Protein backbone atom coordinates (compact mmCIF):
# COMPACT_ATOMS: atom_id res chain seq x y z
CA MET A 1 18.08 -10.83 -6.70
CA THR A 2 17.73 -10.22 -2.96
CA SER A 3 14.74 -8.47 -1.45
CA GLU A 4 14.18 -6.83 1.98
CA VAL A 5 11.32 -4.96 3.52
CA VAL A 6 11.70 -1.90 5.74
CA ILE A 7 8.65 -0.86 7.83
CA ASP A 8 8.63 2.59 9.40
CA VAL A 9 5.89 2.92 12.07
CA GLN A 10 5.22 6.45 13.18
CA GLN A 11 2.63 7.83 15.57
CA LYS A 12 0.24 8.91 12.73
CA GLU A 13 1.24 6.74 9.77
CA ILE A 14 2.91 3.56 8.69
CA SER A 15 5.26 3.39 5.68
CA ILE A 16 6.48 0.23 4.00
CA ALA A 17 9.38 0.10 1.51
CA LEU A 18 10.33 -2.97 -0.59
CA LEU A 19 13.98 -3.02 -1.73
CA GLU A 20 15.30 -5.28 -4.45
CA ASP A 21 19.10 -5.30 -4.53
CA GLN A 22 18.95 -2.29 -2.21
CA LYS A 23 16.91 -0.34 -4.86
CA LEU A 24 13.46 0.96 -3.83
CA VAL A 25 10.78 -0.63 -6.00
CA GLU A 26 7.58 -0.42 -3.95
CA TYR A 27 6.52 2.14 -1.38
CA GLN A 28 3.29 2.45 0.49
CA THR A 29 2.25 4.88 3.23
CA GLU A 30 -1.08 5.47 4.88
CA PRO A 31 -2.44 6.96 8.10
CA ARG A 32 -2.75 4.47 10.91
CA SER A 33 -6.36 5.61 11.30
CA ALA A 34 -7.25 4.76 7.68
CA SER A 35 -10.38 2.54 7.54
CA PHE A 36 -11.39 2.37 3.90
CA SER A 37 -9.00 -0.39 2.69
CA VAL A 38 -9.56 -2.89 -0.09
CA GLY A 39 -10.93 -6.04 1.46
CA ASN A 40 -12.91 -4.54 4.34
CA ILE A 41 -16.47 -5.85 4.71
CA TYR A 42 -19.43 -3.74 5.88
CA ILE A 43 -23.05 -4.33 6.72
CA ALA A 44 -24.62 -1.19 5.22
CA LYS A 45 -27.82 0.28 3.82
CA VAL A 46 -28.77 1.11 0.26
CA LYS A 47 -28.98 4.88 -0.02
CA LYS A 48 -30.16 5.46 -3.53
CA LEU A 49 -31.13 3.43 -6.62
CA MET A 50 -29.81 4.47 -10.08
CA PRO A 51 -31.99 2.57 -12.68
CA GLY A 52 -30.19 4.28 -15.60
CA LEU A 53 -26.85 2.82 -14.47
CA ASN A 54 -28.43 -0.41 -13.16
CA ALA A 55 -26.61 0.31 -9.94
CA CYS A 56 -27.05 1.80 -6.46
CA PHE A 57 -25.23 3.91 -3.91
CA VAL A 58 -24.59 2.45 -0.53
CA ASP A 59 -23.67 4.29 2.71
CA VAL A 60 -20.57 2.67 4.21
CA GLY A 61 -19.70 5.73 6.36
CA TYR A 62 -17.49 7.47 3.82
CA GLU A 63 -18.11 11.10 2.94
CA ARG A 64 -19.27 9.98 -0.54
CA ASP A 65 -21.57 7.02 -0.94
CA ALA A 66 -20.00 3.83 -2.35
CA PHE A 67 -20.98 2.47 -5.77
CA LEU A 68 -22.43 -0.99 -6.20
CA HIS A 69 -23.36 -2.23 -9.72
CA TYR A 70 -26.02 -4.89 -10.27
CA LEU A 71 -23.46 -7.25 -11.84
CA ASP A 72 -21.33 -6.92 -8.65
CA LEU A 73 -24.12 -8.30 -6.52
CA GLY A 74 -22.86 -11.79 -7.51
CA ASN A 75 -24.70 -14.96 -8.41
CA GLN A 76 -25.43 -15.84 -4.78
CA PHE A 77 -26.94 -12.51 -3.68
CA SER A 78 -30.38 -14.13 -2.93
CA SER A 79 -28.66 -16.67 -0.67
CA TYR A 80 -26.82 -14.00 1.21
CA GLU A 81 -29.97 -11.94 1.62
CA LYS A 82 -31.94 -14.88 3.10
CA TYR A 83 -29.12 -15.95 5.41
CA LEU A 84 -28.56 -12.40 6.76
CA LYS A 85 -32.21 -12.25 7.76
CA GLN A 86 -31.80 -15.56 9.61
CA VAL A 87 -28.62 -14.33 11.34
CA GLN A 88 -30.32 -11.08 12.52
CA SER A 89 -33.55 -12.76 13.60
CA ASP A 90 -31.79 -14.26 16.65
CA ARG A 91 -29.39 -11.98 18.59
CA LYS A 92 -28.36 -14.75 21.00
CA LYS A 93 -27.63 -17.83 18.92
CA LEU A 94 -25.92 -17.70 15.53
CA TYR A 95 -27.77 -19.57 12.80
CA PRO A 96 -25.16 -22.15 11.56
CA PHE A 97 -23.73 -21.31 8.17
CA SER A 98 -23.51 -24.98 7.19
CA LYS A 99 -27.38 -25.13 7.38
CA ALA A 100 -27.87 -22.06 5.16
CA SER A 101 -29.93 -22.86 2.09
CA ARG A 102 -28.66 -22.14 -1.44
CA LEU A 103 -31.13 -20.26 -3.55
CA PRO A 104 -31.14 -20.07 -7.40
CA ASP A 105 -28.44 -17.83 -8.98
CA LEU A 106 -29.29 -14.14 -9.65
CA LYS A 107 -30.15 -13.48 -13.26
CA LYS A 108 -27.44 -11.59 -15.15
CA GLU A 109 -29.88 -9.61 -17.19
CA GLY A 110 -31.90 -8.52 -14.08
CA SER A 111 -32.56 -5.03 -12.83
CA VAL A 112 -31.35 -3.35 -9.63
CA GLN A 113 -34.89 -1.94 -9.09
CA THR A 114 -36.46 -5.39 -8.79
CA THR A 115 -33.59 -6.74 -6.63
CA LEU A 116 -32.90 -3.95 -4.13
CA SER A 117 -34.85 -1.25 -2.32
CA VAL A 118 -33.85 1.93 -0.57
CA GLY A 119 -32.97 1.23 3.11
CA GLN A 120 -32.29 -2.45 2.47
CA GLU A 121 -29.34 -3.91 4.37
CA VAL A 122 -26.55 -5.49 2.30
CA MET A 123 -23.25 -7.07 3.16
CA VAL A 124 -20.55 -5.61 0.89
CA GLN A 125 -16.78 -5.61 0.40
CA ILE A 126 -14.55 -2.79 -0.83
CA VAL A 127 -12.82 -3.69 -4.15
CA LYS A 128 -11.52 -0.17 -4.96
CA GLU A 129 -10.60 2.56 -2.52
CA PRO A 130 -11.92 6.10 -2.89
CA ILE A 131 -10.02 7.78 -5.79
CA SER A 132 -10.23 11.50 -6.60
CA THR A 133 -13.88 12.55 -6.49
CA LYS A 134 -15.25 8.97 -6.51
CA GLY A 135 -16.32 6.99 -3.47
CA PRO A 136 -15.36 3.38 -2.85
CA ARG A 137 -16.38 0.65 -5.33
CA LEU A 138 -18.12 -2.36 -3.80
CA THR A 139 -19.04 -6.01 -4.46
CA ALA A 140 -21.55 -8.18 -2.68
CA GLU A 141 -19.58 -11.29 -3.71
CA LEU A 142 -17.43 -11.63 -0.50
CA SER A 143 -13.99 -13.27 -0.36
CA PHE A 144 -11.43 -13.80 2.35
CA ALA A 145 -7.85 -13.90 1.01
CA GLY A 146 -5.02 -15.80 2.61
CA ARG A 147 -1.49 -16.65 1.60
CA TYR A 148 -2.36 -19.85 -0.24
CA LEU A 149 -6.16 -19.80 -0.58
CA VAL A 150 -9.13 -17.47 -1.04
CA LEU A 151 -12.38 -18.51 0.69
CA ILE A 152 -15.66 -17.51 -1.00
CA PRO A 153 -18.90 -18.14 1.00
CA PHE A 154 -21.93 -19.50 -0.87
CA ASN A 155 -19.90 -20.93 -3.70
CA ASP A 156 -19.10 -24.64 -3.97
CA LYS A 157 -16.55 -24.34 -6.83
CA VAL A 158 -12.78 -25.03 -6.35
CA SER A 159 -10.57 -23.12 -8.80
CA VAL A 160 -6.80 -23.39 -9.18
CA SER A 161 -4.52 -20.58 -10.37
CA SER A 162 -3.82 -20.81 -14.10
CA LYS A 163 -0.13 -20.14 -13.27
CA ILE A 164 0.09 -23.71 -11.86
CA LYS A 165 0.82 -25.50 -15.17
CA SER A 166 1.26 -29.10 -14.02
CA GLY A 167 -1.96 -31.11 -14.65
CA GLU A 168 -1.01 -33.61 -11.91
CA GLU A 169 -0.51 -30.88 -9.30
CA ARG A 170 -3.77 -29.10 -10.31
CA ALA A 171 -5.69 -32.36 -9.85
CA ARG A 172 -4.04 -33.01 -6.50
CA LEU A 173 -4.85 -29.57 -5.18
CA LYS A 174 -8.51 -29.78 -6.33
CA GLN A 175 -9.03 -33.12 -4.77
CA LEU A 176 -7.35 -32.10 -1.61
CA ILE A 177 -9.35 -28.85 -1.18
CA HIS A 178 -12.68 -30.63 -2.01
CA SER A 179 -11.95 -33.01 0.91
CA ILE A 180 -11.29 -30.28 3.55
CA LYS A 181 -13.31 -27.22 2.52
CA PRO A 182 -16.32 -26.18 4.68
CA LYS A 183 -19.85 -26.71 3.42
CA ASN A 184 -21.38 -23.88 1.36
CA CYS A 185 -17.97 -22.43 0.59
CA GLY A 186 -15.87 -22.18 -2.56
CA VAL A 187 -12.05 -21.87 -2.74
CA ILE A 188 -9.56 -20.34 -5.08
CA VAL A 189 -6.08 -21.95 -4.85
CA ARG A 190 -3.36 -19.34 -5.30
CA THR A 191 -0.10 -19.89 -7.18
CA VAL A 192 2.06 -20.13 -4.05
CA ALA A 193 0.06 -23.19 -2.82
CA GLU A 194 1.90 -25.31 -5.42
CA GLY A 195 3.55 -28.24 -3.71
CA LYS A 196 2.16 -27.40 -0.18
CA ARG A 197 1.09 -30.12 2.19
CA VAL A 198 -2.48 -30.68 3.30
CA ALA A 199 -1.66 -29.63 6.89
CA GLU A 200 -0.58 -26.12 5.74
CA LEU A 201 -3.61 -25.60 3.50
CA ASP A 202 -6.07 -26.93 6.11
CA ALA A 203 -4.62 -24.64 8.78
CA GLU A 204 -5.12 -21.57 6.58
CA LEU A 205 -8.57 -22.67 5.57
CA LYS A 206 -9.59 -22.82 9.24
CA VAL A 207 -8.22 -19.31 9.79
CA LEU A 208 -10.23 -17.97 6.83
CA SER A 209 -13.38 -19.76 8.02
CA LYS A 210 -12.95 -18.22 11.47
CA ARG A 211 -12.80 -14.72 9.86
CA TRP A 212 -16.08 -15.35 8.07
CA GLU A 213 -17.67 -16.63 11.31
CA ASP A 214 -16.40 -13.60 13.28
CA ALA A 215 -17.90 -11.24 10.62
CA LEU A 216 -21.30 -13.00 11.00
CA VAL A 217 -21.12 -12.65 14.83
CA LYS A 218 -20.60 -8.88 14.44
CA VAL A 219 -23.61 -8.67 12.03
CA GLN A 220 -25.70 -10.59 14.61
CA LYS A 221 -24.72 -8.59 17.66
CA THR A 222 -24.53 -4.98 16.31
CA GLN A 223 -27.46 -2.89 15.28
CA GLN A 224 -25.51 0.21 14.15
CA ARG A 225 -25.44 0.73 10.42
CA PRO A 226 -23.16 1.10 8.54
CA GLN A 227 -20.90 -1.19 10.58
CA MET A 228 -17.55 -2.62 9.61
CA VAL A 229 -17.70 -6.42 10.26
CA PHE A 230 -14.38 -7.42 8.90
CA GLU A 231 -11.17 -5.45 8.63
CA GLU A 232 -8.42 -6.55 6.26
CA THR A 233 -5.19 -7.47 8.04
CA GLY A 234 -2.77 -4.61 8.91
CA ARG A 235 -1.02 -2.91 6.03
CA ALA A 236 2.31 -4.51 6.87
CA VAL A 237 0.89 -8.04 6.99
CA ALA A 238 -1.34 -7.49 3.92
CA LEU A 239 1.70 -6.44 1.87
CA LEU A 240 3.68 -9.44 3.10
CA ARG A 241 0.81 -11.83 2.36
CA ASP A 242 0.93 -10.89 -1.32
CA LEU A 243 4.69 -10.25 -1.68
CA PHE A 244 6.43 -12.74 0.58
CA ASN A 245 8.88 -15.06 -1.22
CA PRO A 246 11.90 -17.12 -0.28
CA THR A 247 14.36 -14.52 -1.56
CA TYR A 248 13.64 -12.21 1.32
CA GLU A 249 16.79 -11.68 3.37
CA SER A 250 15.31 -9.51 6.07
CA ILE A 251 12.27 -7.60 7.29
CA HIS A 252 13.15 -4.61 9.48
CA VAL A 253 10.50 -3.02 11.76
CA ASN A 254 11.00 -0.11 14.17
CA ASN A 255 7.92 -0.73 16.33
CA GLU A 256 7.65 -3.66 18.76
CA ASP A 257 3.91 -4.29 18.37
CA VAL A 258 4.09 -4.38 14.55
CA TYR A 259 7.27 -6.48 14.82
CA ASN A 260 5.43 -9.06 16.84
CA GLU A 261 2.45 -8.98 14.45
CA VAL A 262 4.78 -9.46 11.44
CA LYS A 263 6.86 -12.15 13.14
CA ASN A 264 3.73 -14.18 14.13
CA TYR A 265 2.47 -14.03 10.57
CA VAL A 266 5.83 -15.12 9.03
CA SER A 267 6.08 -17.94 11.66
CA LEU A 268 2.65 -19.08 10.48
CA ILE A 269 3.28 -19.15 6.74
CA ALA A 270 7.04 -19.87 6.69
CA PRO A 271 8.34 -21.08 10.09
CA GLU A 272 11.90 -21.54 8.75
CA LYS A 273 11.96 -17.82 7.80
CA ALA A 274 10.79 -16.36 11.17
CA GLY A 275 14.40 -15.33 11.95
CA ILE A 276 14.52 -12.77 9.13
CA VAL A 277 12.11 -10.46 10.96
CA LYS A 278 14.25 -8.06 12.94
CA LEU A 279 13.36 -5.22 15.41
CA TYR A 280 15.26 -2.06 14.55
CA THR A 281 16.44 -0.15 17.57
CA GLY A 282 18.97 2.26 16.09
CA LYS A 283 18.95 5.98 16.87
CA VAL A 284 19.11 6.98 13.22
CA PRO A 285 15.61 6.95 11.59
CA ILE A 286 15.06 3.56 9.99
CA PHE A 287 14.49 4.89 6.43
CA ASP A 288 17.69 6.90 6.68
CA ASN A 289 19.64 3.88 7.86
CA PHE A 290 18.54 1.85 4.84
CA ASN A 291 18.87 4.75 2.34
CA VAL A 292 15.13 4.80 1.70
CA THR A 293 14.54 8.53 2.41
CA LYS A 294 17.01 9.62 -0.25
CA GLN A 295 15.43 7.26 -2.91
CA ILE A 296 11.99 8.56 -2.05
CA LYS A 297 13.02 12.15 -2.54
CA SER A 298 14.77 11.35 -5.83
CA GLY A 299 12.20 8.89 -7.08
CA PHE A 300 9.05 11.01 -6.76
CA GLY A 301 8.18 14.40 -8.22
CA LYS A 302 7.44 15.60 -11.69
CA THR A 303 11.04 15.06 -13.00
CA VAL A 304 12.87 11.72 -12.52
CA ASN A 305 16.52 11.45 -13.56
CA TYR A 306 17.99 8.12 -14.59
CA LYS A 307 21.06 6.92 -16.48
CA HIS A 308 23.65 9.27 -18.03
CA GLY A 309 21.69 12.57 -17.68
CA ALA A 310 18.48 11.30 -19.33
CA TYR A 311 15.21 12.07 -17.47
CA LEU A 312 11.43 11.45 -17.40
CA ILE A 313 8.62 13.99 -17.07
CA ILE A 314 5.61 12.40 -15.32
CA GLU A 315 2.27 14.18 -15.40
CA HIS A 316 -1.01 13.03 -13.84
CA THR A 317 -4.36 14.07 -15.22
CA GLU A 318 -7.94 12.97 -14.26
CA ALA A 319 -8.06 10.58 -17.29
CA MET A 320 -4.49 9.21 -17.52
CA HIS A 321 -0.79 9.38 -16.63
CA VAL A 322 1.53 10.81 -19.29
CA ILE A 323 5.26 10.16 -19.34
CA ASP A 324 7.72 11.98 -21.63
CA VAL A 325 11.21 10.51 -22.20
CA ASN A 326 14.09 13.03 -22.70
CA SER A 327 17.77 12.41 -23.48
CA GLY A 328 18.77 15.48 -21.47
CA THR A 329 22.54 16.04 -21.24
CA ARG A 330 23.33 12.51 -22.53
CA ILE A 331 26.42 12.45 -24.81
CA LYS A 332 25.61 11.24 -28.26
CA LYS A 333 27.18 7.97 -29.41
CA GLU A 334 29.65 7.87 -32.23
CA ASN A 335 27.48 5.47 -34.20
CA GLY A 336 24.62 7.93 -34.47
CA GLN A 337 21.33 9.23 -33.18
CA GLU A 338 19.52 5.98 -33.65
CA GLN A 339 21.80 4.11 -31.23
CA ASN A 340 21.60 6.99 -28.75
CA ALA A 341 17.75 6.97 -28.92
CA LEU A 342 17.63 3.20 -28.45
CA GLU A 343 19.86 3.26 -25.31
CA THR A 344 17.96 6.20 -23.82
CA ASN A 345 14.57 4.43 -24.45
CA LEU A 346 15.79 1.12 -22.99
CA GLY A 347 16.96 2.89 -19.85
CA ALA A 348 13.59 4.66 -19.68
CA ALA A 349 11.79 1.33 -19.97
CA ASP A 350 13.68 0.05 -16.86
CA GLU A 351 12.89 3.18 -14.90
CA ILE A 352 9.26 3.46 -15.99
CA ALA A 353 8.53 -0.18 -14.95
CA ARG A 354 10.00 0.68 -11.49
CA GLN A 355 8.01 3.95 -11.31
CA LEU A 356 4.66 2.18 -12.06
CA ARG A 357 5.24 -0.10 -9.07
CA LEU A 358 6.74 2.61 -6.86
CA ARG A 359 3.87 5.08 -7.34
CA ASP A 360 1.20 2.40 -7.82
CA MET A 361 0.08 4.24 -10.97
CA GLY A 362 -3.11 2.77 -12.48
CA GLY A 363 -5.54 3.35 -15.31
CA ILE A 364 -4.16 4.41 -18.66
CA ILE A 365 -0.48 5.27 -18.96
CA VAL A 366 0.83 6.82 -22.18
CA ILE A 367 4.57 7.04 -22.77
CA ASP A 368 6.23 9.27 -25.40
CA PHE A 369 9.49 7.63 -26.16
CA ILE A 370 12.19 9.15 -28.35
CA ASP A 371 11.50 8.47 -32.04
CA MET A 372 13.32 5.45 -33.55
CA ASN A 373 13.36 4.56 -37.25
CA LEU A 374 14.23 0.86 -37.15
CA ALA A 375 11.43 -1.60 -36.60
CA GLU A 376 13.73 -4.06 -34.80
CA ASP A 377 14.65 -1.32 -32.28
CA ARG A 378 10.96 -0.60 -31.59
CA GLN A 379 10.37 -4.33 -31.15
CA MET A 380 13.31 -4.59 -28.76
CA LEU A 381 11.93 -1.73 -26.66
CA TYR A 382 8.50 -3.39 -26.46
CA GLU A 383 10.04 -6.72 -25.36
CA ARG A 384 12.16 -4.95 -22.72
CA MET A 385 9.12 -3.33 -21.28
CA CYS A 386 7.18 -6.56 -21.20
CA LYS A 387 10.10 -8.27 -19.42
CA ASN A 388 10.38 -5.52 -16.87
CA MET A 389 6.70 -5.62 -16.09
CA GLN A 390 6.78 -9.34 -15.27
CA GLN A 391 7.73 -8.42 -11.70
CA ASP A 392 4.53 -6.36 -11.36
CA ARG A 393 1.72 -7.97 -9.39
CA ALA A 394 -0.98 -5.67 -10.73
CA ARG A 395 -2.84 -6.84 -13.78
CA HIS A 396 -1.65 -4.95 -16.83
CA ASN A 397 -1.66 -4.86 -20.61
CA ILE A 398 1.05 -3.36 -22.83
CA LEU A 399 0.60 -2.36 -26.48
CA PRO A 400 3.50 -2.06 -29.03
CA LEU A 401 4.64 1.41 -30.05
CA SER A 402 2.16 3.21 -32.31
CA LYS A 403 3.23 4.96 -35.51
CA PHE A 404 3.54 8.15 -33.45
CA GLY A 405 6.09 6.59 -31.11
CA LEU A 406 3.67 6.25 -28.22
CA MET A 407 3.35 3.17 -25.97
CA GLN A 408 0.09 2.56 -24.12
CA ILE A 409 -0.18 0.63 -20.89
CA THR A 410 -3.30 -0.17 -18.83
CA ARG A 411 -2.61 -1.13 -15.19
CA GLN A 412 -5.06 -2.29 -12.55
CA ARG A 413 -6.04 0.53 -10.18
CA VAL A 414 -7.49 -0.32 -6.76
CA ARG A 415 -6.18 2.63 -4.75
CA PRO A 416 -5.06 6.16 -5.45
CA ALA A 417 -1.65 6.54 -7.10
CA MET A 418 1.12 7.28 -4.53
CA ASP A 419 1.74 11.02 -4.55
CA VAL A 420 4.69 11.95 -2.36
CA SER A 421 5.50 15.65 -2.32
CA VAL A 422 9.28 16.09 -2.54
CA GLU A 423 9.14 19.87 -2.33
CA GLU A 424 9.76 21.12 1.19
CA THR A 425 7.58 23.80 2.81
CA CYS A 426 9.66 26.34 4.71
CA PRO A 427 9.27 25.26 8.34
CA THR A 428 10.30 28.59 9.78
CA CYS A 429 8.12 31.06 7.86
CA PHE A 430 4.95 28.97 7.16
CA GLY A 431 4.80 30.43 3.67
CA LYS A 432 5.03 34.05 4.76
CA GLY A 433 8.40 34.56 3.12
CA THR A 434 10.22 36.11 6.15
CA ILE A 435 12.17 34.18 8.75
CA LYS A 436 14.46 34.91 11.64
CA SER A 437 18.19 34.89 10.97
CA SER A 438 19.33 31.32 10.42
CA PHE A 439 22.32 32.15 12.63
CA LEU A 440 19.90 32.38 15.56
CA PHE A 441 18.38 28.97 14.86
CA THR A 442 20.45 27.12 17.44
CA ASP A 443 19.49 29.75 20.04
CA GLN A 444 15.83 28.89 19.20
CA LEU A 445 16.54 25.20 19.64
CA GLU A 446 18.18 25.74 23.05
CA SER A 447 15.13 27.76 24.14
CA LYS A 448 12.96 24.78 23.25
CA ILE A 449 15.23 22.36 25.11
CA ASP A 450 15.10 24.61 28.17
CA THR A 451 11.25 24.62 28.07
CA LEU A 452 11.18 20.89 27.61
CA VAL A 453 13.56 20.09 30.46
CA ASN A 454 12.79 22.75 33.05
CA LYS A 455 9.11 23.56 32.48
CA ILE A 456 7.56 20.40 31.02
CA GLY A 457 9.90 18.01 32.85
CA VAL A 458 11.00 15.79 29.95
CA LYS A 459 14.60 14.96 30.86
CA LYS A 460 15.39 12.44 28.04
CA PHE A 461 14.47 13.15 24.41
CA TYR A 462 15.67 13.02 20.80
CA LEU A 463 16.04 16.16 18.71
CA HIS A 464 15.77 15.40 14.93
CA VAL A 465 17.35 17.97 12.68
CA HIS A 466 18.72 18.30 9.12
CA PRO A 467 22.10 16.54 8.60
CA TYR A 468 23.88 19.93 7.98
CA VAL A 469 22.50 21.33 11.19
CA ALA A 470 23.37 18.09 13.09
CA ALA A 471 26.94 18.39 11.84
CA TYR A 472 27.20 21.98 13.03
CA ILE A 473 25.80 21.07 16.48
CA ASN A 474 28.19 18.13 16.85
CA GLN A 475 31.37 19.76 15.56
CA GLY A 476 34.43 20.29 17.75
CA PHE A 477 35.57 18.92 21.10
CA MET A 478 33.40 21.31 23.10
CA SER A 479 30.48 21.08 20.68
CA LEU A 480 27.11 22.77 21.09
CA LYS A 481 25.67 19.36 21.84
CA ARG A 482 28.19 18.82 24.65
CA LYS A 483 27.38 22.27 26.11
CA TRP A 484 23.64 21.44 26.05
CA GLN A 485 24.27 18.13 27.74
CA MET A 486 26.28 19.73 30.52
CA LYS A 487 23.59 22.34 31.03
CA TYR A 488 20.41 20.23 30.63
CA GLY A 489 21.64 16.70 31.31
CA PHE A 490 22.82 13.77 29.23
CA GLY A 491 19.27 12.94 28.21
CA VAL A 492 19.71 15.38 25.25
CA HIS A 493 20.32 13.44 22.02
CA VAL A 494 20.68 14.98 18.55
CA VAL A 495 19.70 12.82 15.56
CA SER A 496 20.56 13.54 11.97
CA SER A 497 17.44 12.97 9.84
CA GLN A 498 17.32 13.26 6.04
CA LYS A 499 13.53 13.78 6.27
CA MET A 500 13.95 17.19 7.85
CA ALA A 501 14.03 20.47 5.79
CA PHE A 502 17.03 22.74 6.45
CA LEU A 503 15.63 24.75 9.38
CA GLN A 504 13.10 22.13 10.60
CA TYR A 505 13.25 20.26 13.86
CA GLU A 506 11.19 17.63 15.68
CA PHE A 507 11.33 16.36 19.29
CA TYR A 508 10.62 12.74 20.25
CA ASP A 509 10.44 11.08 23.64
CA THR A 510 12.02 7.73 24.60
CA GLN A 511 8.90 5.91 23.32
CA LYS A 512 9.35 7.59 19.91
CA GLN A 513 6.23 9.70 20.43
CA PHE A 514 6.28 13.08 18.73
CA ILE A 515 6.43 16.10 21.07
CA ASP A 516 4.95 19.17 19.40
CA MET A 517 7.11 22.19 20.25
CA LYS A 518 6.42 24.19 17.12
CA GLU A 519 4.88 27.61 17.45
CA GLU A 520 4.03 29.84 14.53
CA ILE A 521 4.56 32.90 16.65
CA GLU A 522 8.29 32.11 16.84
CA THR A 523 8.76 33.19 13.25
CA LYS A 524 7.37 36.70 13.69
């Protein structure tokens, strides 16, 4: 299996697609201004105590206060509290972390009322993004994740991933980390650290220690509260940190700044693989070029088609996700309904495992498979689903089919499920239901080009339109495009974009910055 990553950087958002054998399996998109990401650390104030829940609400700058349970304060909360006071007592010189004193562990059966007070400053980390009507979920047990290691301040323990089975390798890694780790810090050794040399692990440990020190400097020097003191690495780098493996053939990026950021990171963790990071400079949108747009539009939505006419219905409620499997127009097998149901269900298991990763669906997922009479067929389906889910990084648990033919899956949820709208809003009527004649659409485009060239002064630009419209503009020897170029200059470029709706258009300058030429009045 070969994997490649495609990163589409736009002015307002960044989208990342992971392809396995050219099939889309993971997709993430978020605004470039998004600030409430898992892993971010804040110095914030307690807003309200909730004794009944043994928890409190903390103001981290989000519209809804974040939730912090007493058990999420961590064993070393008292040590953090004392050290924070020492850091803030001197705004000029940072109190060395190596000299911080370790206080007794916090009691597990304690109360939030006796530990915290309203207005108290706490250093917290986001462990779950805002979902639906809920604010972020917090922990006061801070951690800094790297490719091979996770650094945990105020914790002397060294833990090794349970997926590293070799006793000899586990002992080597423990001994090695004990010899290089900073004082007052614990370390978790991740699975990918297996077989790595001391120089690689030591280099990453120094990077993680520097992040912790930089966070403390921000706490010391800033008085504004709440204040972000550590921001998780960029979305592109964060995804690569968790996903990167030797099977990657290429990483394509269409933005030079992000390209340099990704290349520097890959050079750091796998120098021999630095050459797979490539800057995409093609005129066709990057997602169109790698057939990602089409897969996004066919992979999201309420109805998802898969093999031989069968399809899934995916519904999302507040409490759970519900998936219904339908055979659709599938032709029945000669050897009966049972075999037909089995093949439809096995195909559904393959597609559902992909959909869970693609949409990042979490919480409870209930799947209504087609009924099967044979116990061995039900067991085969369960084993197929378990095998498919082995590629999933999120923690999950799968139960065998119940007597009603339902399969239940729980999957870790740390951010909202990906909800990509595949329905297209009419770009020419804005929902009013009346538009100008589509025959006059190209006249409207020429008017925009005239305004852009002769009034605004933009001589070189790219006009993105639907592939059908692009074909019409480009057809013939003396095409419409050629006429525009003769009239307005050869800086006029027409780009076919699958992302566009039928009568939708977008202008971009040579720096790929969006030029807003849309006016609602033009539809009246």
